[in-house]
Protein backbone atom coordinates (compact mmCIF):
# COMPACT_ATOMS: atom_id res chain seq x y z
CA MET A 1 0.00 0.00 0.00
CA ASP A 2 1.04 3.57 -0.56
CA ALA A 3 3.06 5.12 2.26
CA TRP A 4 0.69 8.06 2.70
CA PHE A 5 -2.01 5.75 4.00
CA TYR A 6 -2.28 4.87 7.70
CA MET A 7 -2.84 8.51 8.52
CA ASP A 8 -4.25 10.23 11.56
CA ALA A 9 -8.01 10.73 11.84
CA TYR A 10 -7.96 14.40 10.81
CA GLU A 11 -5.97 13.69 7.63
CA THR A 12 -8.27 10.79 6.83
CA VAL A 13 -11.33 13.04 7.10
CA VAL A 14 -9.95 15.94 5.07
CA THR A 15 -8.62 13.75 2.24
CA LYS A 16 -11.37 11.10 1.93
CA LEU A 17 -13.10 11.23 -1.42
CA GLU A 18 -16.30 9.61 -2.68
CA THR A 19 -15.57 7.50 -5.75
CA ARG A 20 -17.65 5.19 -7.88
CA GLU A 21 -15.00 3.64 -10.08
CA PHE A 22 -13.33 0.68 -8.45
CA ASP A 23 -10.40 -1.48 -9.56
CA SER A 24 -11.90 -4.94 -10.12
CA LYS A 25 -8.41 -6.45 -10.37
CA LYS A 26 -7.51 -5.39 -6.84
CA PRO A 27 -9.74 -7.12 -4.27
CA VAL A 28 -10.11 -5.65 -0.81
CA PRO A 29 -8.36 -7.93 1.71
CA ARG A 30 -10.44 -9.74 4.31
CA ASP A 31 -8.77 -7.96 7.25
CA ILE A 32 -9.80 -4.55 5.89
CA LYS A 33 -13.40 -5.72 5.44
CA VAL A 34 -13.41 -7.00 9.01
CA LYS A 35 -12.08 -3.66 10.29
CA VAL A 36 -14.71 -1.75 8.30
CA MET A 37 -17.47 -3.90 9.76
CA ASP A 38 -16.03 -3.62 13.27
CA ALA A 39 -15.90 0.17 12.88
CA ALA A 40 -19.65 0.06 12.16
CA ARG A 41 -20.28 -2.12 15.19
CA SER A 42 -18.19 0.18 17.39
CA THR A 43 -20.18 3.29 16.48
CA ALA A 44 -22.10 5.08 19.20
CA SER A 45 -25.88 4.99 18.88
CA GLY A 46 -28.78 6.87 20.46
CA MET A 47 -29.36 5.60 23.99
CA ASN A 48 -26.73 2.92 23.20
CA SER A 49 -29.54 1.03 21.43
CA GLN A 50 -27.22 -0.50 18.83
CA HIS A 51 -30.33 -1.04 16.73
CA TRP A 52 -28.60 -1.05 13.34
CA ARG A 53 -27.77 -4.18 11.40
CA PHE A 54 -25.32 -4.54 8.53
CA ILE A 55 -25.35 -6.87 5.53
CA LEU A 56 -21.93 -7.33 3.91
CA LEU A 57 -22.11 -8.19 0.21
CA GLN A 58 -18.91 -9.41 -1.45
CA ASP A 59 -19.99 -11.99 -4.02
CA SER A 60 -20.02 -10.43 -7.51
CA ARG A 61 -23.50 -11.87 -8.21
CA ASN A 62 -24.90 -10.16 -5.11
CA LEU A 63 -23.20 -6.88 -6.02
CA LYS A 64 -24.69 -7.12 -9.53
CA GLN A 65 -28.12 -7.79 -8.00
CA LEU A 66 -27.67 -4.83 -5.67
CA ALA A 67 -26.95 -2.63 -8.70
CA ASP A 68 -30.02 -4.02 -10.48
CA ASP A 69 -32.13 -3.16 -7.41
CA SER A 70 -30.79 0.40 -7.46
CA SER A 71 -31.99 3.57 -9.11
CA THR A 72 -28.94 5.67 -8.13
CA GLY A 73 -26.19 3.14 -7.39
CA LYS A 74 -25.67 1.16 -10.60
CA TRP A 75 -21.93 1.68 -10.09
CA VAL A 76 -22.00 -0.62 -7.02
CA ALA A 77 -21.76 -3.67 -9.32
CA ALA A 78 -18.04 -2.90 -9.73
CA ALA A 79 -17.38 -2.39 -6.00
CA GLY A 80 -15.10 -4.72 -4.08
CA PHE A 81 -17.81 -5.07 -1.47
CA ALA A 82 -20.89 -3.24 -0.23
CA VAL A 83 -22.75 -2.85 3.03
CA ILE A 84 -26.50 -2.46 3.39
CA VAL A 85 -27.27 -0.51 6.56
CA LEU A 86 -30.55 -1.36 8.27
CA THR A 87 -32.08 0.58 11.14
CA ASP A 88 -35.04 0.24 13.50
CA PRO A 89 -37.81 2.52 12.16
CA LYS A 90 -39.10 3.04 15.71
CA MET A 91 -35.90 4.87 16.67
CA PRO A 92 -36.30 8.62 16.03
CA PHE A 93 -32.50 9.01 15.74
CA ARG A 94 -32.01 6.17 13.23
CA GLY A 95 -30.80 8.44 10.42
CA ILE A 96 -28.14 9.98 12.62
CA ASP A 97 -27.05 6.58 13.87
CA ALA A 98 -26.83 5.19 10.33
CA GLY A 99 -24.84 8.22 9.17
CA ARG A 100 -22.41 7.87 12.06
CA ALA A 101 -21.87 4.17 11.33
CA VAL A 102 -21.36 4.84 7.62
CA GLN A 103 -18.88 7.63 8.33
CA ASN A 104 -16.90 5.33 10.63
CA MET A 105 -16.86 2.61 7.97
CA GLN A 106 -15.75 5.05 5.26
CA ILE A 107 -13.01 6.62 7.37
CA THR A 108 -11.71 3.21 8.39
CA ALA A 109 -11.66 2.03 4.77
CA TRP A 110 -9.95 5.22 3.58
CA ASN A 111 -7.24 4.73 6.19
CA PHE A 112 -6.21 1.69 4.10
CA GLY A 113 -6.65 3.36 0.71
CA VAL A 114 -10.10 1.87 0.09
CA SER A 115 -12.53 4.43 -1.30
CA SER A 116 -16.30 4.38 -0.98
CA ARG A 117 -19.57 5.99 -1.99
CA VAL A 118 -23.09 5.98 -0.58
CA TYR A 119 -26.52 5.91 -2.15
CA THR A 120 -30.15 5.71 -1.07
CA GLY A 121 -32.04 5.12 -4.32
CA PHE A 122 -33.27 1.51 -4.46
CA ASN A 123 -36.29 -0.71 -4.98
CA GLU A 124 -37.20 -1.61 -1.41
CA GLN A 125 -39.42 -4.59 -2.25
CA LYS A 126 -36.78 -6.22 -4.44
CA MET A 127 -34.06 -5.65 -1.86
CA ARG A 128 -36.16 -7.15 0.94
CA ILE A 129 -36.64 -10.29 -1.15
CA ASP A 130 -33.10 -10.50 -2.56
CA TYR A 131 -31.37 -10.10 0.81
CA ALA A 132 -34.01 -11.58 3.19
CA ILE A 133 -34.46 -8.24 4.98
CA PRO A 134 -37.17 -8.42 7.63
CA SER A 135 -39.95 -5.83 7.58
CA SER A 136 -38.98 -4.82 11.12
CA PHE A 137 -35.94 -3.00 9.70
CA GLU A 138 -35.68 0.04 7.45
CA ILE A 139 -33.20 -0.08 4.58
CA THR A 140 -31.47 3.20 5.33
CA ILE A 141 -28.36 3.49 3.16
CA ILE A 142 -25.98 1.44 1.03
CA VAL A 143 -22.23 1.92 0.83
CA GLY A 144 -19.96 0.52 -1.88
CA PHE A 145 -16.23 0.08 -1.20
CA GLY A 146 -13.17 -0.72 -3.30
CA PHE A 147 -9.75 0.39 -4.35
CA PRO A 148 -10.14 3.36 -6.72
CA THR A 149 -9.26 3.00 -10.40
CA LYS A 150 -7.58 6.41 -10.45
CA LYS A 151 -4.56 7.22 -8.34
CA ILE A 152 -5.58 9.42 -5.46
CA THR A 153 -2.87 11.71 -4.22
CA GLY A 154 -3.99 12.31 -0.65
CA LYS A 155 -4.47 16.02 -1.25
CA ARG A 156 -7.19 17.81 0.62
CA LYS A 157 -10.51 18.02 -1.14
CA LYS A 158 -12.08 21.21 -2.42
CA ARG A 159 -14.54 22.62 0.11
CA VAL A 160 -16.17 25.96 0.82
CA PRO A 161 -13.89 27.97 3.15
CA LEU A 162 -14.66 27.63 6.86
CA ASP A 163 -15.33 31.36 7.28
CA GLU A 164 -18.18 31.10 4.75
CA ILE A 165 -20.12 28.34 6.53
CA ALA A 166 -19.31 28.59 10.26
CA TYR A 167 -20.09 31.28 12.78
CA LEU A 168 -18.75 32.27 16.20
CA GLU A 169 -21.15 32.76 19.10
CA LYS A 170 -24.14 33.62 16.86
CA TYR A 171 -25.22 33.35 13.23
CA GLY A 172 -23.62 36.05 11.12
CA ASN A 173 -20.36 36.38 13.09
CA LYS A 174 -17.89 34.72 10.76
CA LEU A 175 -15.74 32.03 12.34
CA GLU A 176 -12.18 32.69 11.35
CA LYS A 177 -9.12 30.84 12.58
CA ASP A 178 -7.76 34.03 14.17
CA ASN A 179 -10.88 34.72 16.25
CA ILE A 180 -10.99 31.31 17.95
CA SER A 181 -9.50 31.58 21.45
């Protein structure tokens, strides 16, 4: 693996990119998949309910089926693996909990040079049948993972400057690095 990987958490966050083109000739090793799944399991949840469930898909036929069941994630067929995130619809904080688990999975994967992308457009009925998903769970989000086809340099991504989106003490007071005590 490239030497720039195995970075600290901050560098992982500020350099992680969403990609949808994965190198099919470079499978993701088992130990990375296990770490990604363990990162999901280790995520905090509202009231420590740990209500989410995760379905790991790694067989190419299942990834193809997942793409067929999708309206916005056709690219997932080429992923090295994917995770379907399920949540308890009775939990009012399920979306936050799912997002936190997904972010932990993505950051963990990126630490090893594995890129990812999320999507939420899918045929719910087909997915419930294809992956034996009980009606007691909501299909919340799907994440595809794999080594990117293009070389990623580890440079920071383009984002709106902090002083244009963050405020100090009240809305309208620009947050600038120099005015943080």
